[in-house]
Amino acid sequence: MAHLNRRTLLKSGVAGLAASTLASPLIAQSRTLQVGSYGGYFENSFKEFVYPEFTKATGIEVESVTQPNSADWLVSMQQALSAGNIPTDISLYGRETMIKASRIGDLIAPLDLSVVKAAQNLADGFVFEGKDGPQGVGAMSWFSAMVFNPNEAEVPASWADFWDSNLFEASLGIGRNFNAGFLDITAATFFDGAETMMSNDGIIAIIEKVAELKPNVALWWTAESQMEQSMKNGDVIGGQYYLDVANLMAADGFPIQATFPKEGNRQDYGSWCLTAGSTKADEAAEFMNFSCDPAIQALMSRKIGTAPLVDRAKTDLTDEEFDFVSGAPAILPAYEAYLDNETFIKESWDKMLAEA
């Protein structure tokens, strides 16, 4: 795996992949589709590896639209739709943003799953049911994982090991933002998971448990680069970090190893959603069917570094390829709690961090 990097992730040939695994291309008559995705490397990888395969399989040309990975996209969508514009036919929404869009209403359209039959390939929970019915089809996922320096520590069996000052005193790197995932990890380790997040008392109990960890935390990081550099120079020897980036660092020879402890790692995911008012529902259904095909899920794992949303056995991913981007078990974020009680959670979390 030492030849891997974030832009050439497992550069195995994929010529003809979609054509060999999907239905024959339809006869195209200048059919087009605007697809939104997060910018930079992520969008460029879709433009280089995924969209061309979709066009080969269907004849539909994709116009890539850059969108933010945040609720800011909802503001842009509201403004555009109010002006009578369709900024993109399909957008890529994180689960939390998708729930917000569904609650606002008139931003994402309901889907006809009778024509998105490939959605049946997805594991349970990755078709989003909004107030108007199905409104999102899972696209890909990613993990925030337990990492450690194998030269300095044994493989932790549980997230609870991080609370042991004999093992990790003043040596951990943990995400600083209240919604960076460590609340979910703590809830899954010591409490009843997302259920505990549904009450103020539960939230306070979780945050008080995180406060007990503070003597073992050397870095509360907000930027990916901070944790990366701290692991490289030995300022921290364990913590919470992105699975794919940790594996890339390990492949480049840096002292970092990702592992799935008994509670699992936090998994988040994005979904394809049809913009309300788009006239490209048929083309959007073909794109969603394409994306849900196990071969394309595997393609995205190899070329983008995302985790598949289909059963690994349905793909041709090797053990090495799958372990690079995914694993089990998974800790799912308490999406509803973050949305319904965001102010209380954030203020309580920030107060905990500020206390000596």
Protein backbone atom coordinates (compact mmCIF):
# COMPACT_ATOMS: atom_id res chain seq x y z
CA MET A 1 0.00 0.00 0.00
CA ALA A 2 3.03 2.30 0.12
CA HIS A 3 2.32 3.51 -3.43
CA LEU A 4 -0.99 5.02 -2.38
CA ASN A 5 -1.75 8.69 -1.96
CA ARG A 6 -4.94 10.72 -1.77
CA ARG A 7 -4.98 11.52 -5.49
CA THR A 8 -3.93 8.19 -6.93
CA LEU A 9 -5.75 5.91 -4.54
CA LEU A 10 -5.26 2.37 -5.83
CA LYS A 11 -4.86 3.33 -9.49
CA SER A 12 -6.06 0.06 -10.89
CA GLY A 13 -7.59 0.11 -14.33
CA VAL A 14 -11.33 0.61 -14.51
CA ALA A 15 -11.83 0.81 -18.25
CA GLY A 16 -15.18 -0.55 -19.14
CA LEU A 17 -16.13 -1.16 -15.51
CA ALA A 18 -19.52 0.54 -15.58
CA ALA A 19 -20.31 -0.73 -19.05
CA SER A 20 -19.63 -4.31 -17.99
CA THR A 21 -21.68 -4.15 -14.81
CA LEU A 22 -24.59 -1.93 -15.78
CA ALA A 23 -27.20 -1.98 -18.48
CA SER A 24 -26.20 -1.01 -22.01
CA PRO A 25 -26.16 2.76 -22.67
CA LEU A 26 -29.44 4.34 -23.62
CA ILE A 27 -29.70 6.22 -26.88
CA ALA A 28 -28.84 9.76 -25.84
CA GLN A 29 -30.28 12.91 -27.31
CA SER A 30 -28.13 15.56 -25.69
CA ARG A 31 -29.17 14.32 -22.27
CA THR A 32 -27.44 16.20 -19.46
CA LEU A 33 -27.46 16.27 -15.69
CA GLN A 34 -26.07 18.80 -13.23
CA VAL A 35 -24.52 17.04 -10.24
CA GLY A 36 -23.28 18.88 -7.16
CA SER A 37 -20.44 17.65 -4.98
CA TYR A 38 -17.89 19.03 -2.53
CA GLY A 39 -15.06 20.84 -4.25
CA GLY A 40 -11.33 20.30 -4.51
CA TYR A 41 -9.88 16.80 -4.64
CA PHE A 42 -13.28 15.24 -3.98
CA GLU A 43 -15.03 16.88 -6.94
CA ASN A 44 -12.01 16.44 -9.21
CA SER A 45 -11.98 12.71 -8.50
CA PHE A 46 -15.63 12.42 -9.47
CA LYS A 47 -14.96 14.33 -12.68
CA GLU A 48 -11.98 12.12 -13.54
CA PHE A 49 -13.16 8.67 -12.48
CA VAL A 50 -16.92 8.51 -11.88
CA TYR A 51 -18.78 10.84 -14.23
CA PRO A 52 -17.04 9.52 -17.39
CA GLU A 53 -18.11 5.98 -16.48
CA PHE A 54 -21.67 7.16 -15.98
CA THR A 55 -21.65 8.81 -19.39
CA LYS A 56 -20.30 5.61 -20.98
CA ALA A 57 -23.06 3.60 -19.34
CA THR A 58 -25.98 5.93 -20.05
CA GLY A 59 -24.99 8.52 -22.63
CA ILE A 60 -25.87 11.27 -20.15
CA GLU A 61 -23.32 14.08 -19.89
CA VAL A 62 -22.61 15.39 -16.39
CA GLU A 63 -22.06 19.04 -15.61
CA SER A 64 -20.22 19.18 -12.29
CA VAL A 65 -21.31 21.87 -9.83
CA THR A 66 -19.18 22.80 -6.81
CA GLN A 67 -21.15 22.97 -3.56
CA PRO A 68 -20.12 23.38 0.09
CA ASN A 69 -20.20 20.50 2.56
CA SER A 70 -22.36 22.44 5.01
CA ALA A 71 -25.76 23.97 5.62
CA ASP A 72 -24.56 27.00 3.65
CA TRP A 73 -25.74 25.09 0.58
CA LEU A 74 -29.29 25.27 1.89
CA VAL A 75 -29.14 29.07 1.90
CA SER A 76 -27.86 29.07 -1.68
CA MET A 77 -30.58 26.61 -2.69
CA GLN A 78 -33.34 28.69 -1.07
CA GLN A 79 -32.16 31.87 -2.76
CA ALA A 80 -31.80 30.22 -6.17
CA LEU A 81 -35.16 28.44 -6.06
CA SER A 82 -36.90 31.62 -4.88
CA ALA A 83 -35.47 33.34 -7.96
CA GLY A 84 -36.76 30.54 -10.18
CA ASN A 85 -33.36 28.96 -10.78
CA ILE A 86 -32.28 25.33 -10.44
CA PRO A 87 -28.64 25.46 -9.22
CA THR A 88 -28.13 21.71 -9.70
CA ASP A 89 -30.34 18.73 -10.49
CA ILE A 90 -28.72 16.51 -7.86
CA SER A 91 -26.90 17.67 -4.73
CA LEU A 92 -24.77 15.74 -2.26
CA TYR A 93 -26.08 16.21 1.26
CA GLY A 94 -24.67 15.06 4.58
CA ARG A 95 -27.31 13.45 6.75
CA GLU A 96 -27.72 16.45 9.07
CA THR A 97 -28.05 18.90 6.18
CA MET A 98 -30.50 16.57 4.44
CA ILE A 99 -32.73 16.49 7.52
CA LYS A 100 -32.65 20.29 7.66
CA ALA A 101 -33.59 20.50 3.98
CA SER A 102 -36.49 18.13 4.49
CA ARG A 103 -37.75 20.13 7.46
CA ILE A 104 -37.53 23.42 5.56
CA GLY A 105 -39.50 21.91 2.69
CA ASP A 106 -39.56 22.60 -1.06
CA LEU A 107 -35.79 22.15 -1.44
CA ILE A 108 -35.45 18.45 -2.22
CA ALA A 109 -38.01 16.43 -4.14
CA PRO A 110 -39.46 13.04 -3.17
CA LEU A 111 -38.00 10.09 -5.09
CA ASP A 112 -39.77 7.27 -6.88
CA LEU A 113 -37.89 4.23 -5.64
CA SER A 114 -39.67 2.05 -8.20
CA VAL A 115 -37.28 3.55 -10.76
CA VAL A 116 -34.29 3.68 -8.39
CA LYS A 117 -34.28 -0.07 -7.93
CA ALA A 118 -30.54 -0.28 -7.29
CA ALA A 119 -31.12 1.48 -3.97
CA GLN A 120 -32.04 -2.00 -2.74
CA ASN A 121 -28.30 -2.75 -2.85
CA LEU A 122 -27.65 -0.30 -0.02
CA ALA A 123 -27.35 -1.45 3.56
CA ASP A 124 -30.24 -0.64 5.88
CA GLY A 125 -30.61 2.99 6.84
CA PHE A 126 -29.08 4.62 3.79
CA VAL A 127 -32.32 5.64 2.07
CA PHE A 128 -33.58 8.76 3.81
CA GLU A 129 -37.28 9.03 4.50
CA GLY A 130 -38.31 12.66 4.82
CA LYS A 131 -41.71 14.13 5.53
CA ASP A 132 -42.65 13.74 1.85
CA GLY A 133 -41.37 10.18 1.50
CA PRO A 134 -37.96 8.97 0.22
CA GLN A 135 -35.78 12.02 -0.37
CA GLY A 136 -32.20 10.79 -0.33
CA VAL A 137 -30.24 7.82 -1.67
CA GLY A 138 -26.93 7.03 0.01
CA ALA A 139 -23.85 7.91 -2.02
CA MET A 140 -20.79 7.05 0.10
CA SER A 141 -19.58 7.15 3.70
CA TRP A 142 -16.48 7.95 5.73
CA PHE A 143 -15.19 7.12 9.20
CA SER A 144 -13.68 9.08 12.06
CA ALA A 145 -11.52 6.39 13.62
CA MET A 146 -9.47 5.52 16.65
CA VAL A 147 -5.77 5.97 15.83
CA PHE A 148 -2.60 5.36 17.82
CA ASN A 149 1.16 5.26 17.45
CA PRO A 150 2.09 1.55 17.30
CA ASN A 151 5.60 2.38 18.47
CA GLU A 152 4.27 3.93 21.68
CA ALA A 153 1.12 2.03 22.59
CA GLU A 154 -0.54 -1.34 22.32
CA VAL A 155 -3.69 -1.66 20.22
CA PRO A 156 -6.51 -0.22 22.38
CA ALA A 157 -9.41 -2.63 22.75
CA SER A 158 -11.91 0.09 23.65
CA TRP A 159 -12.33 3.84 23.47
CA ALA A 160 -12.46 3.60 27.28
CA ASP A 161 -8.70 2.94 27.23
CA PHE A 162 -8.17 6.59 26.33
CA TRP A 163 -9.36 7.53 29.83
CA ASP A 164 -6.48 5.54 31.38
CA SER A 165 -3.78 8.05 32.32
CA ASN A 166 -1.28 5.24 32.72
CA LEU A 167 -1.56 4.71 28.97
CA PHE A 168 -2.36 8.10 27.44
CA GLU A 169 -1.61 10.94 29.85
CA ALA A 170 -1.35 14.27 27.97
CA SER A 171 -0.94 12.47 24.66
CA LEU A 172 -4.26 12.38 22.80
CA GLY A 173 -5.63 14.40 19.89
CA ILE A 174 -9.42 14.86 19.93
CA GLY A 175 -11.72 16.86 17.64
CA ARG A 176 -12.51 20.20 19.30
CA ASN A 177 -15.86 21.03 17.68
CA PHE A 178 -18.97 19.86 19.56
CA ASN A 179 -20.20 17.99 16.45
CA ALA A 180 -16.82 16.48 15.49
CA GLY A 181 -17.93 13.09 16.76
CA PHE A 182 -16.41 12.56 20.17
CA LEU A 183 -19.74 13.02 21.93
CA ASP A 184 -21.13 10.15 19.85
CA ILE A 185 -18.08 8.02 20.62
CA THR A 186 -18.35 8.70 24.36
CA ALA A 187 -22.09 8.01 24.32
CA ALA A 188 -21.52 4.66 22.61
CA THR A 189 -18.69 3.71 24.99
CA PHE A 190 -20.18 4.59 28.37
CA PHE A 191 -23.90 5.17 27.81
CA ASP A 192 -26.78 4.11 25.55
CA GLY A 193 -25.49 5.78 22.41
CA ALA A 194 -27.68 8.23 20.51
CA GLU A 195 -30.59 7.61 22.90
CA THR A 196 -28.65 9.27 25.72
CA MET A 197 -28.17 12.35 23.53
CA MET A 198 -31.93 12.92 23.37
CA SER A 199 -32.20 14.58 26.80
CA ASN A 200 -30.38 17.48 28.45
CA ASP A 201 -29.48 15.28 31.41
CA GLY A 202 -28.00 12.70 29.06
CA ILE A 203 -26.00 15.33 27.20
CA ILE A 204 -24.59 16.72 30.46
CA ALA A 205 -23.64 13.22 31.62
CA ILE A 206 -21.76 12.55 28.38
CA ILE A 207 -19.96 15.91 28.48
CA GLU A 208 -18.98 15.35 32.12
CA LYS A 209 -17.46 12.03 31.07
CA VAL A 210 -15.48 13.78 28.32
CA ALA A 211 -14.29 16.30 30.94
CA GLU A 212 -12.66 13.40 32.80
CA LEU A 213 -10.54 12.82 29.68
CA LYS A 214 -9.08 16.35 29.59
CA PRO A 215 -5.84 15.48 31.47
CA ASN A 216 -5.06 12.97 28.72
CA VAL A 217 -5.68 15.38 25.82
CA ALA A 218 -2.68 17.21 24.42
CA LEU A 219 -4.49 18.61 21.37
CA TRP A 220 -8.09 19.62 20.72
CA TRP A 221 -7.80 19.90 16.95
CA THR A 222 -9.99 21.81 14.53
CA ALA A 223 -8.03 21.29 11.30
CA GLU A 224 -7.01 17.97 9.78
CA SER A 225 -3.45 19.25 9.36
CA GLN A 226 -3.08 19.87 13.12
CA MET A 227 -3.70 16.25 14.02
CA GLU A 228 -1.59 15.04 11.11
CA GLN A 229 1.44 17.04 12.18
CA SER A 230 1.05 16.15 15.86
CA MET A 231 1.00 12.43 15.05
CA LYS A 232 4.00 12.82 12.78
CA ASN A 233 6.17 14.63 15.33
CA GLY A 234 5.07 12.57 18.33
CA ASP A 235 3.22 15.29 20.24
CA VAL A 236 0.27 12.92 20.43
CA ILE A 237 0.28 9.13 20.35
CA GLY A 238 -3.42 8.47 19.93
CA GLY A 239 -6.79 10.00 19.29
CA GLN A 240 -9.59 10.45 16.79
CA TYR A 241 -8.82 10.97 13.08
CA TYR A 242 -10.09 10.20 9.58
CA LEU A 243 -9.68 6.56 8.66
CA ASP A 244 -8.55 7.05 5.06
CA VAL A 245 -6.05 9.80 5.91
CA ALA A 246 -4.58 7.75 8.76
CA ASN A 247 -4.10 4.81 6.42
CA LEU A 248 -2.47 7.04 3.82
CA MET A 249 -0.06 8.35 6.46
CA ALA A 250 0.75 4.81 7.58
CA ALA A 251 1.36 3.79 3.96
CA ASP A 252 3.86 6.65 3.73
CA GLY A 253 5.74 5.30 6.75
CA PHE A 254 4.47 7.57 9.53
CA PRO A 255 3.85 6.08 13.02
CA ILE A 256 0.08 5.90 12.98
CA GLN A 257 -2.33 2.96 12.92
CA ALA A 258 -6.12 3.01 12.69
CA THR A 259 -8.19 0.39 14.45
CA PHE A 260 -11.84 -0.48 15.09
CA PRO A 261 -12.28 -0.93 18.87
CA LYS A 262 -15.15 -2.98 20.25
CA GLU A 263 -17.55 -0.01 20.23
CA GLY A 264 -16.69 0.80 16.63
CA ASN A 265 -15.79 4.04 14.88
CA ARG A 266 -18.03 6.97 13.99
CA GLN A 267 -19.49 6.69 10.51
CA ASP A 268 -21.05 9.54 8.58
CA TYR A 269 -22.35 9.52 5.03
CA GLY A 270 -23.61 11.62 2.13
CA SER A 271 -26.72 11.16 0.00
CA TRP A 272 -27.81 12.16 -3.47
CA CYS A 273 -30.94 14.34 -3.42
CA LEU A 274 -33.05 15.59 -6.32
CA THR A 275 -33.60 19.34 -6.32
CA ALA A 276 -37.23 20.40 -6.11
CA GLY A 277 -38.39 21.65 -9.49
CA SER A 278 -35.69 19.87 -11.50
CA THR A 279 -36.90 18.55 -14.85
CA LYS A 280 -34.24 15.82 -14.81
CA ALA A 281 -35.90 13.28 -12.52
CA ASP A 282 -35.38 10.47 -15.07
CA GLU A 283 -31.70 11.26 -15.52
CA ALA A 284 -31.30 11.64 -11.75
CA ALA A 285 -32.81 8.18 -11.23
CA GLU A 286 -30.29 6.71 -13.69
CA PHE A 287 -27.44 8.42 -11.84
CA MET A 288 -28.64 7.13 -8.48
CA ASN A 289 -29.00 3.60 -9.89
CA PHE A 290 -25.46 3.90 -11.24
CA SER A 291 -24.08 5.13 -7.91
CA CYS A 292 -25.75 2.27 -6.00
CA ASP A 293 -24.22 -0.39 -8.22
CA PRO A 294 -21.68 -2.38 -6.16
CA ALA A 295 -19.06 -2.00 -8.88
CA ILE A 296 -19.34 1.79 -8.71
CA GLN A 297 -19.30 1.76 -4.92
CA ALA A 298 -16.02 -0.16 -5.21
CA LEU A 299 -14.75 2.29 -7.82
CA MET A 300 -15.37 5.20 -5.46
CA SER A 301 -13.57 3.35 -2.65
CA ARG A 302 -10.52 2.84 -4.87
CA LYS A 303 -10.41 6.26 -6.49
CA ILE A 304 -11.85 8.62 -3.85
CA GLY A 305 -11.21 6.78 -0.59
CA THR A 306 -14.84 6.62 0.56
CA ALA A 307 -16.42 3.61 2.26
CA PRO A 308 -19.04 1.59 0.35
CA LEU A 309 -22.66 1.58 1.46
CA VAL A 310 -23.28 -1.90 0.05
CA ASP A 311 -22.34 -5.22 1.61
CA ARG A 312 -18.65 -5.81 1.01
CA ALA A 313 -19.47 -9.28 -0.43
CA LYS A 314 -21.31 -7.62 -3.32
CA THR A 315 -18.14 -5.82 -4.40
CA ASP A 316 -14.82 -7.05 -5.73
CA LEU A 317 -12.84 -5.12 -3.10
CA THR A 318 -9.93 -7.08 -1.66
CA ASP A 319 -9.41 -7.30 2.09
CA GLU A 320 -6.69 -4.69 1.82
CA GLU A 321 -8.82 -2.31 -0.22
CA PHE A 322 -11.85 -2.63 2.06
CA ASP A 323 -9.87 -2.26 5.28
CA PHE A 324 -8.32 0.89 3.86
CA VAL A 325 -11.67 2.72 3.82
CA SER A 326 -14.10 0.82 6.05
CA GLY A 327 -14.67 -1.54 8.94
CA ALA A 328 -17.08 -2.56 11.69
CA PRO A 329 -18.83 -1.90 13.93
CA ALA A 330 -20.05 1.63 13.22
CA ILE A 331 -21.18 4.38 15.58
CA LEU A 332 -23.88 6.49 13.94
CA PRO A 333 -24.13 10.16 14.97
CA ALA A 334 -27.14 11.39 16.96
CA TYR A 335 -28.34 13.49 14.02
CA GLU A 336 -31.73 14.42 15.46
CA ALA A 337 -30.24 15.50 18.79
CA TYR A 338 -27.71 17.79 17.14
CA LEU A 339 -30.47 19.42 15.09
CA ASP A 340 -33.12 19.71 17.80
CA ASN A 341 -30.80 20.78 20.63
CA GLU A 342 -27.82 22.33 18.89
CA THR A 343 -27.52 25.46 21.05
CA PHE A 344 -27.61 23.58 24.36
CA ILE A 345 -25.12 20.96 23.18
CA LYS A 346 -22.70 23.52 21.79
CA GLU A 347 -22.85 25.82 24.82
CA SER A 348 -22.42 22.91 27.25
CA TRP A 349 -19.50 21.50 25.25
CA ASP A 350 -17.74 24.87 24.91
CA LYS A 351 -18.19 25.51 28.65
CA MET A 352 -16.55 22.17 29.42
CA LEU A 353 -13.57 22.96 27.20
CA ALA A 354 -13.15 26.42 28.74
CA GLU A 355 -13.09 25.17 32.33
CA ALA A 356 -9.69 24.61 33.91
